[in-house]
N, C-alpha and C. Protein backbone atom coordinates (compact mmCIF):
# COMPACT_ATOMS: atom_id res chain seq x y z
N UNK A 1 13.67 -174.20 -87.15
CA UNK A 1 14.43 -175.59 -86.64
C UNK A 1 15.83 -175.77 -86.83
N UNK A 2 16.84 -176.15 -86.49
CA UNK A 2 18.37 -176.27 -86.59
C UNK A 2 18.10 -177.68 -87.42
N UNK A 3 19.15 -177.76 -88.80
CA UNK A 3 19.27 -178.80 -89.35
C UNK A 3 19.97 -179.83 -88.37
N UNK A 4 19.58 -180.94 -88.44
CA UNK A 4 20.28 -182.21 -87.60
C UNK A 4 21.66 -182.35 -87.85
N UNK A 5 22.63 -182.91 -87.69
CA UNK A 5 24.03 -183.21 -88.17
C UNK A 5 23.70 -184.79 -88.37
N UNK A 6 22.83 -185.64 -87.68
CA UNK A 6 22.94 -186.96 -87.77
C UNK A 6 21.32 -187.04 -87.95
N UNK A 7 20.63 -188.01 -88.99
CA UNK A 7 19.47 -188.15 -89.27
C UNK A 7 19.18 -189.52 -89.18
N UNK A 8 17.69 -190.19 -88.64
CA UNK A 8 17.34 -191.33 -89.00
C UNK A 8 16.39 -191.59 -90.07
N UNK A 9 17.00 -192.67 -90.95
CA UNK A 9 16.12 -193.09 -92.12
C UNK A 9 15.31 -194.25 -92.00
N UNK A 10 14.16 -194.40 -92.72
CA UNK A 10 13.90 -195.92 -92.77
C UNK A 10 14.72 -196.66 -93.71
N UNK A 11 14.99 -197.68 -93.25
CA UNK A 11 15.97 -198.30 -94.23
C UNK A 11 15.69 -199.83 -93.01
N UNK A 12 16.38 -201.12 -94.35
CA UNK A 12 16.49 -202.42 -93.71
C UNK A 12 17.48 -202.96 -94.37
N UNK A 13 18.27 -204.04 -93.92
CA UNK A 13 19.27 -204.98 -94.29
C UNK A 13 18.92 -205.52 -95.44
N UNK A 14 19.36 -205.70 -96.74
CA UNK A 14 19.13 -206.34 -97.96
C UNK A 14 19.45 -207.86 -97.85
N UNK A 15 19.38 -208.61 -98.69
CA UNK A 15 19.65 -210.22 -98.58
C UNK A 15 21.47 -210.26 -98.01
N UNK A 16 21.23 -211.14 -97.04
CA UNK A 16 22.50 -211.60 -96.64
C UNK A 16 23.27 -210.38 -95.61
N UNK A 17 22.55 -209.11 -95.46
CA UNK A 17 22.88 -208.37 -94.94
C UNK A 17 24.55 -207.07 -95.57
N UNK A 18 24.41 -207.71 -96.86
CA UNK A 18 25.55 -207.12 -97.81
C UNK A 18 25.03 -205.68 -98.14
N UNK A 19 23.88 -205.38 -97.94
CA UNK A 19 23.52 -203.80 -98.43
C UNK A 19 22.37 -203.47 -97.55
N UNK A 20 22.38 -202.12 -97.61
CA UNK A 20 21.25 -201.73 -96.85
C UNK A 20 20.15 -201.06 -98.34
N UNK A 21 18.61 -201.56 -97.81
CA UNK A 21 17.85 -200.88 -98.58
C UNK A 21 17.15 -199.56 -97.92
N UNK A 22 17.08 -198.49 -98.57
CA UNK A 22 16.71 -197.28 -97.91
C UNK A 22 14.96 -197.68 -98.57
N UNK A 23 14.08 -197.07 -97.56
CA UNK A 23 12.90 -197.14 -98.20
C UNK A 23 11.96 -195.49 -98.48
N UNK A 24 11.87 -195.32 -99.95
CA UNK A 24 11.61 -193.98 -100.20
C UNK A 24 10.30 -193.67 -100.13
N UNK A 25 9.70 -192.59 -100.40
CA UNK A 25 8.41 -192.34 -100.32
C UNK A 25 7.97 -191.08 -101.27
N UNK A 26 7.06 -190.76 -101.92
CA UNK A 26 6.81 -189.78 -102.64
C UNK A 26 6.12 -188.50 -102.19
N UNK A 27 6.88 -187.33 -102.46
CA UNK A 27 6.64 -186.15 -101.76
C UNK A 27 5.23 -185.60 -102.50
N UNK A 28 4.78 -184.67 -101.94
CA UNK A 28 3.29 -183.96 -102.09
C UNK A 28 3.39 -183.82 -103.48
N UNK A 29 4.78 -183.57 -104.70
CA UNK A 29 4.48 -183.36 -106.14
C UNK A 29 4.78 -184.50 -106.60
N UNK A 30 5.06 -185.82 -106.16
CA UNK A 30 5.39 -187.22 -106.79
C UNK A 30 6.76 -187.37 -107.07
N UNK A 31 7.64 -186.55 -106.50
CA UNK A 31 8.78 -187.12 -106.46
C UNK A 31 9.20 -188.30 -105.29
N UNK A 32 10.08 -188.74 -105.78
CA UNK A 32 10.97 -189.67 -104.86
C UNK A 32 11.68 -189.00 -104.23
N UNK A 33 11.53 -189.41 -102.52
CA UNK A 33 12.53 -188.73 -101.45
C UNK A 33 12.71 -189.70 -100.71
N UNK A 34 13.75 -189.55 -99.96
CA UNK A 34 14.15 -190.12 -98.67
C UNK A 34 13.73 -189.26 -97.31
N UNK A 35 12.69 -190.05 -96.76
CA UNK A 35 12.47 -189.41 -95.50
C UNK A 35 13.25 -189.48 -94.58
N UNK A 36 13.78 -188.26 -93.50
CA UNK A 36 14.73 -188.45 -92.62
C UNK A 36 14.32 -187.74 -91.38
N UNK A 37 14.55 -188.22 -90.28
CA UNK A 37 14.09 -187.68 -89.10
C UNK A 37 15.34 -187.40 -88.27
N UNK A 38 14.78 -186.06 -87.54
CA UNK A 38 15.98 -185.54 -86.18
C UNK A 38 16.03 -186.47 -85.22
N UNK A 39 15.22 -187.57 -84.79
CA UNK A 39 15.29 -188.57 -83.94
C UNK A 39 14.78 -189.55 -84.15
N UNK A 40 15.16 -190.62 -83.33
CA UNK A 40 14.56 -191.99 -83.15
C UNK A 40 13.06 -191.68 -83.21
N UNK A 41 12.43 -191.07 -82.29
CA UNK A 41 11.19 -190.75 -81.41
C UNK A 41 10.45 -190.31 -82.69
N UNK A 42 10.87 -189.21 -83.73
CA UNK A 42 10.10 -188.77 -84.72
C UNK A 42 9.98 -189.87 -85.72
N UNK A 43 10.70 -190.44 -85.81
CA UNK A 43 10.84 -191.80 -87.01
C UNK A 43 9.52 -192.62 -86.41
N UNK A 44 9.73 -192.97 -85.49
CA UNK A 44 8.26 -193.89 -84.56
C UNK A 44 6.87 -193.30 -84.56
N UNK A 45 7.15 -191.84 -84.39
CA UNK A 45 5.82 -191.16 -84.58
C UNK A 45 5.12 -191.31 -86.13
N UNK A 46 5.87 -191.28 -87.19
CA UNK A 46 5.86 -191.25 -88.31
C UNK A 46 5.36 -192.57 -88.91
N UNK A 47 6.06 -193.62 -88.37
CA UNK A 47 6.18 -194.77 -89.00
C UNK A 47 5.88 -196.15 -88.05
N UNK A 48 5.87 -195.87 -86.82
CA UNK A 48 5.53 -197.06 -85.74
C UNK A 48 6.84 -197.31 -85.36
N UNK A 49 6.68 -198.18 -84.17
CA UNK A 49 7.81 -198.74 -83.27
C UNK A 49 8.23 -199.87 -84.54
N UNK A 50 7.78 -200.78 -85.05
CA UNK A 50 8.36 -201.80 -85.80
C UNK A 50 9.44 -201.28 -86.70
N UNK A 51 9.44 -200.04 -87.32
CA UNK A 51 10.22 -199.63 -88.14
C UNK A 51 11.63 -199.82 -88.26
N UNK A 52 12.25 -200.43 -89.13
CA UNK A 52 13.74 -200.76 -89.34
C UNK A 52 14.34 -199.31 -89.41
N UNK A 53 15.79 -198.89 -89.07
CA UNK A 53 16.05 -197.61 -89.25
C UNK A 53 17.44 -197.94 -89.06
N UNK A 54 17.92 -196.42 -89.91
CA UNK A 54 19.21 -196.44 -90.16
C UNK A 54 19.98 -194.86 -89.45
N UNK A 55 21.09 -194.83 -88.69
CA UNK A 55 21.21 -193.30 -88.33
C UNK A 55 22.55 -193.02 -89.23
N UNK A 56 22.40 -191.99 -89.77
CA UNK A 56 23.90 -191.55 -90.44
C UNK A 56 23.93 -190.01 -90.72
N UNK A 57 25.05 -189.74 -90.86
CA UNK A 57 25.16 -187.76 -91.18
C UNK A 57 24.29 -187.45 -92.26
N UNK A 58 23.90 -186.38 -92.12
CA UNK A 58 22.90 -185.87 -92.82
C UNK A 58 23.45 -185.90 -94.16
N UNK A 59 24.52 -185.45 -94.39
CA UNK A 59 25.34 -185.24 -95.59
C UNK A 59 25.40 -186.38 -96.33
N UNK A 60 25.67 -187.43 -95.61
CA UNK A 60 25.87 -188.71 -96.25
C UNK A 60 24.24 -189.20 -96.59
N UNK A 61 23.34 -188.92 -95.69
CA UNK A 61 22.06 -189.29 -96.35
C UNK A 61 21.67 -188.82 -97.78
N UNK A 62 22.38 -187.63 -97.74
CA UNK A 62 21.70 -186.89 -98.97
C UNK A 62 22.18 -187.03 -100.00
N UNK A 63 23.82 -187.78 -100.04
CA UNK A 63 24.76 -187.91 -101.00
C UNK A 63 24.18 -189.44 -101.67
N UNK A 64 23.83 -190.38 -100.68
CA UNK A 64 23.33 -191.43 -101.23
C UNK A 64 22.18 -191.61 -101.70
N UNK A 65 21.01 -190.54 -101.23
CA UNK A 65 19.52 -190.25 -101.99
C UNK A 65 19.84 -189.77 -103.54
N UNK A 66 20.65 -188.74 -103.50
CA UNK A 66 20.69 -188.01 -104.75
C UNK A 66 21.41 -189.22 -105.92
N UNK A 67 22.46 -189.83 -105.10
CA UNK A 67 23.46 -190.85 -106.38
C UNK A 67 22.54 -192.01 -106.65
N UNK A 68 21.35 -191.96 -106.08
CA UNK A 68 20.48 -193.32 -106.50
C UNK A 68 19.21 -192.87 -106.78
N UNK A 69 19.26 -191.33 -107.39
CA UNK A 69 18.18 -191.21 -108.49
C UNK A 69 17.10 -190.53 -107.38
N UNK A 70 17.13 -190.37 -106.12
CA UNK A 70 15.96 -189.67 -105.70
C UNK A 70 16.01 -188.02 -105.69
N UNK A 71 15.05 -187.30 -105.59
CA UNK A 71 14.91 -186.30 -105.98
C UNK A 71 15.80 -185.38 -104.75
N UNK A 72 15.47 -185.65 -103.14
CA UNK A 72 16.32 -185.04 -102.35
C UNK A 72 15.63 -186.05 -101.11
N UNK A 73 15.94 -185.40 -99.69
CA UNK A 73 15.45 -185.75 -98.73
C UNK A 73 14.61 -185.02 -97.79
N UNK A 74 13.80 -185.13 -97.02
CA UNK A 74 12.99 -184.61 -96.27
C UNK A 74 12.90 -184.63 -94.92
N UNK A 75 13.25 -183.62 -94.36
CA UNK A 75 13.44 -183.72 -92.61
C UNK A 75 12.09 -183.78 -91.97
N UNK A 76 11.84 -184.74 -91.44
CA UNK A 76 10.87 -184.48 -90.19
C UNK A 76 9.45 -184.57 -91.03
N UNK A 77 9.10 -185.12 -92.23
CA UNK A 77 7.99 -184.93 -92.98
C UNK A 77 6.68 -185.65 -92.44
N UNK A 78 5.64 -184.96 -92.69
CA UNK A 78 4.39 -185.59 -91.97
C UNK A 78 3.84 -186.82 -92.78
N UNK A 79 3.45 -187.83 -92.01
CA UNK A 79 3.23 -188.95 -92.90
C UNK A 79 1.78 -189.36 -92.54
N UNK A 80 1.09 -189.56 -93.54
CA UNK A 80 -0.40 -189.85 -93.20
C UNK A 80 -0.58 -190.89 -92.44
N UNK A 81 -1.70 -191.00 -91.78
CA UNK A 81 -1.85 -192.36 -90.77
C UNK A 81 -2.17 -193.65 -91.45
N UNK A 82 -2.50 -193.53 -92.84
CA UNK A 82 -2.94 -194.89 -93.48
C UNK A 82 -1.93 -195.38 -94.39
N UNK A 83 -0.72 -195.07 -94.55
CA UNK A 83 0.40 -195.55 -95.18
C UNK A 83 0.63 -196.70 -94.64
N UNK A 84 1.23 -197.50 -95.52
CA UNK A 84 1.81 -198.99 -95.02
C UNK A 84 2.92 -198.78 -93.89
N UNK A 85 3.07 -199.61 -93.03
CA UNK A 85 3.74 -199.48 -91.85
C UNK A 85 4.31 -201.24 -91.62
N UNK A 86 5.77 -201.24 -91.03
CA UNK A 86 5.93 -202.35 -90.60
C UNK A 86 5.24 -202.85 -89.36
N UNK A 87 5.29 -204.12 -89.44
CA UNK A 87 4.68 -205.01 -88.41
C UNK A 87 5.42 -206.08 -87.64
N UNK A 88 5.09 -206.87 -86.33
CA UNK A 88 6.02 -207.71 -85.88
C UNK A 88 6.04 -208.99 -87.41
N UNK A 89 4.93 -209.31 -87.82
CA UNK A 89 4.97 -210.56 -88.90
C UNK A 89 6.20 -210.17 -89.99
N UNK A 90 6.22 -208.86 -90.30
CA UNK A 90 7.49 -208.25 -91.28
C UNK A 90 8.44 -208.30 -90.63
N UNK A 91 8.89 -208.08 -89.56
CA UNK A 91 10.23 -207.99 -88.95
C UNK A 91 10.57 -209.67 -89.08
N UNK A 92 9.73 -210.48 -88.46
CA UNK A 92 10.11 -211.84 -88.79
C UNK A 92 10.70 -212.36 -89.98
N UNK A 93 9.59 -212.26 -90.79
CA UNK A 93 10.24 -212.48 -92.09
C UNK A 93 11.28 -211.82 -92.46
N UNK A 94 11.52 -210.64 -92.21
CA UNK A 94 12.95 -210.15 -92.72
C UNK A 94 13.89 -210.70 -91.88
N UNK A 95 13.73 -211.07 -90.71
CA UNK A 95 15.04 -211.68 -90.03
C UNK A 95 15.17 -213.22 -90.54
N UNK A 96 14.46 -213.83 -91.10
CA UNK A 96 14.50 -214.84 -91.55
C UNK A 96 15.30 -214.87 -92.90
N UNK A 97 14.92 -213.80 -93.51
CA UNK A 97 15.44 -213.58 -94.74
C UNK A 97 17.39 -213.28 -94.78
N UNK A 98 17.56 -212.92 -93.90
CA UNK A 98 19.03 -212.24 -93.92
C UNK A 98 19.46 -213.10 -93.08
N UNK A 99 18.95 -213.90 -91.95
CA UNK A 99 19.55 -214.85 -91.23
C UNK A 99 19.32 -216.28 -91.15
N UNK A 100 18.05 -216.54 -91.72
CA UNK A 100 17.68 -217.94 -91.90
C UNK A 100 16.73 -218.02 -90.48
N UNK A 101 16.46 -219.22 -90.40
CA UNK A 101 15.29 -219.45 -89.24
C UNK A 101 15.73 -219.52 -87.85
N UNK A 102 15.28 -218.91 -86.73
CA UNK A 102 15.67 -219.46 -85.50
C UNK A 102 16.50 -220.83 -85.26
N UNK A 103 17.15 -220.99 -84.57
CA UNK A 103 17.91 -222.53 -84.02
C UNK A 103 16.65 -223.18 -83.40
N UNK A 104 17.23 -224.54 -84.06
CA UNK A 104 15.69 -225.58 -83.45
C UNK A 104 14.52 -225.71 -84.29
N UNK A 105 14.25 -224.89 -85.58
CA UNK A 105 12.89 -224.76 -86.18
C UNK A 105 13.20 -225.65 -87.71
N UNK A 106 13.77 -226.57 -87.68
CA UNK A 106 13.92 -227.54 -88.69
C UNK A 106 15.01 -226.55 -90.18
N UNK A 107 14.74 -227.14 -91.19
CA UNK A 107 15.42 -226.74 -92.42
C UNK A 107 15.33 -225.38 -92.58
N UNK A 108 16.34 -224.68 -92.98
CA UNK A 108 16.36 -223.30 -93.57
C UNK A 108 15.84 -223.38 -94.46
N UNK A 109 14.79 -222.29 -94.54
CA UNK A 109 13.82 -222.09 -95.99
C UNK A 109 14.11 -220.62 -96.45
N UNK A 110 14.00 -220.73 -97.73
CA UNK A 110 14.29 -219.28 -98.20
C UNK A 110 13.06 -218.52 -98.18
N UNK A 111 13.21 -217.53 -97.57
CA UNK A 111 11.88 -216.38 -97.30
C UNK A 111 11.98 -215.50 -98.65
N UNK A 112 10.99 -215.30 -99.16
CA UNK A 112 11.22 -214.39 -100.02
C UNK A 112 11.41 -212.82 -99.35
N UNK A 113 11.98 -212.28 -100.09
CA UNK A 113 12.70 -210.90 -99.72
C UNK A 113 12.21 -209.66 -100.90
N UNK A 114 11.00 -208.93 -100.26
CA UNK A 114 10.39 -207.97 -101.23
C UNK A 114 11.58 -206.78 -101.08
N UNK A 115 11.70 -206.46 -102.50
CA UNK A 115 13.11 -205.47 -102.89
C UNK A 115 12.61 -204.26 -102.13
N UNK A 116 11.29 -203.86 -102.11
CA UNK A 116 10.97 -202.58 -101.65
C UNK A 116 9.55 -202.88 -101.03
N UNK A 117 9.62 -203.08 -99.69
CA UNK A 117 8.17 -203.51 -99.01
C UNK A 117 7.68 -202.25 -98.67
N UNK A 118 7.67 -201.58 -98.81
CA UNK A 118 6.97 -199.87 -98.60
C UNK A 118 6.40 -199.64 -99.79
N UNK A 119 5.15 -199.54 -99.43
CA UNK A 119 4.47 -198.75 -101.00
C UNK A 119 4.72 -197.43 -100.98
N UNK A 120 4.73 -196.90 -102.37
CA UNK A 120 4.81 -195.56 -102.05
C UNK A 120 3.51 -194.60 -101.65
N UNK A 121 3.73 -193.96 -100.97
CA UNK A 121 2.58 -193.25 -100.47
C UNK A 121 3.06 -191.92 -100.21
N UNK A 122 2.07 -190.86 -100.27
CA UNK A 122 2.89 -189.51 -100.42
C UNK A 122 3.05 -189.08 -99.01
N UNK A 123 4.17 -188.01 -98.99
CA UNK A 123 4.33 -187.62 -97.30
C UNK A 123 4.46 -185.89 -97.85
N UNK A 124 3.98 -185.07 -96.71
CA UNK A 124 3.71 -183.83 -96.78
C UNK A 124 4.80 -183.00 -96.45
N UNK A 125 5.66 -182.33 -97.28
CA UNK A 125 6.87 -181.84 -96.91
C UNK A 125 6.72 -180.89 -95.68
N UNK A 126 7.63 -181.06 -94.64
CA UNK A 126 7.36 -180.52 -93.38
C UNK A 126 9.00 -179.42 -93.55
N UNK A 127 9.89 -180.12 -93.78
CA UNK A 127 11.08 -179.35 -94.18
C UNK A 127 12.14 -180.06 -94.74
N UNK A 128 12.59 -179.30 -96.17
CA UNK A 128 13.64 -179.65 -96.85
C UNK A 128 14.68 -178.94 -96.79
N UNK A 129 15.86 -179.77 -97.29
CA UNK A 129 17.25 -179.10 -96.76
C UNK A 129 18.22 -179.27 -98.15
N UNK A 130 18.65 -178.55 -98.42
CA UNK A 130 19.26 -178.34 -99.49
C UNK A 130 21.46 -178.14 -98.86
N UNK A 131 21.57 -178.95 -98.99
CA UNK A 131 23.00 -179.20 -98.44
C UNK A 131 24.10 -178.51 -99.42
N UNK A 132 24.78 -177.77 -99.36
CA UNK A 132 25.84 -177.75 -100.65
C UNK A 132 26.70 -178.82 -100.38
N UNK A 133 27.13 -179.25 -101.91
CA UNK A 133 28.14 -180.08 -102.23
C UNK A 133 29.50 -179.67 -102.04
N UNK A 134 30.47 -180.72 -101.37
CA UNK A 134 31.70 -180.39 -101.20
C UNK A 134 32.68 -180.41 -102.58
């Protein structure tokens, strides 16, 4: 398989959309890794249609993962069916936490923002990539 230039990673906006929170998983040996997918279709196959995501260059994804203490990224990992996945209600809570309630729905209320809404779950390694640093 060719290594993609751009990958799609599970991520969502942080409070006030001022930051991005990447959603990490544990690999098959217990290391924190960032799952990355070669296409949106593969991300949806792994995490479902409600999963928020961000597309970025593979080199950038790896640099961000390593600089934030993750072991590496995994390209197109196999994700067990029983791991936590986003659903419609999670997306509504996320939208309210970053934008406030929809117009005409009364006063704004602070929705709790879960720093890491993903439960750490194992993923089996499909392909790891080691991109040389420049």
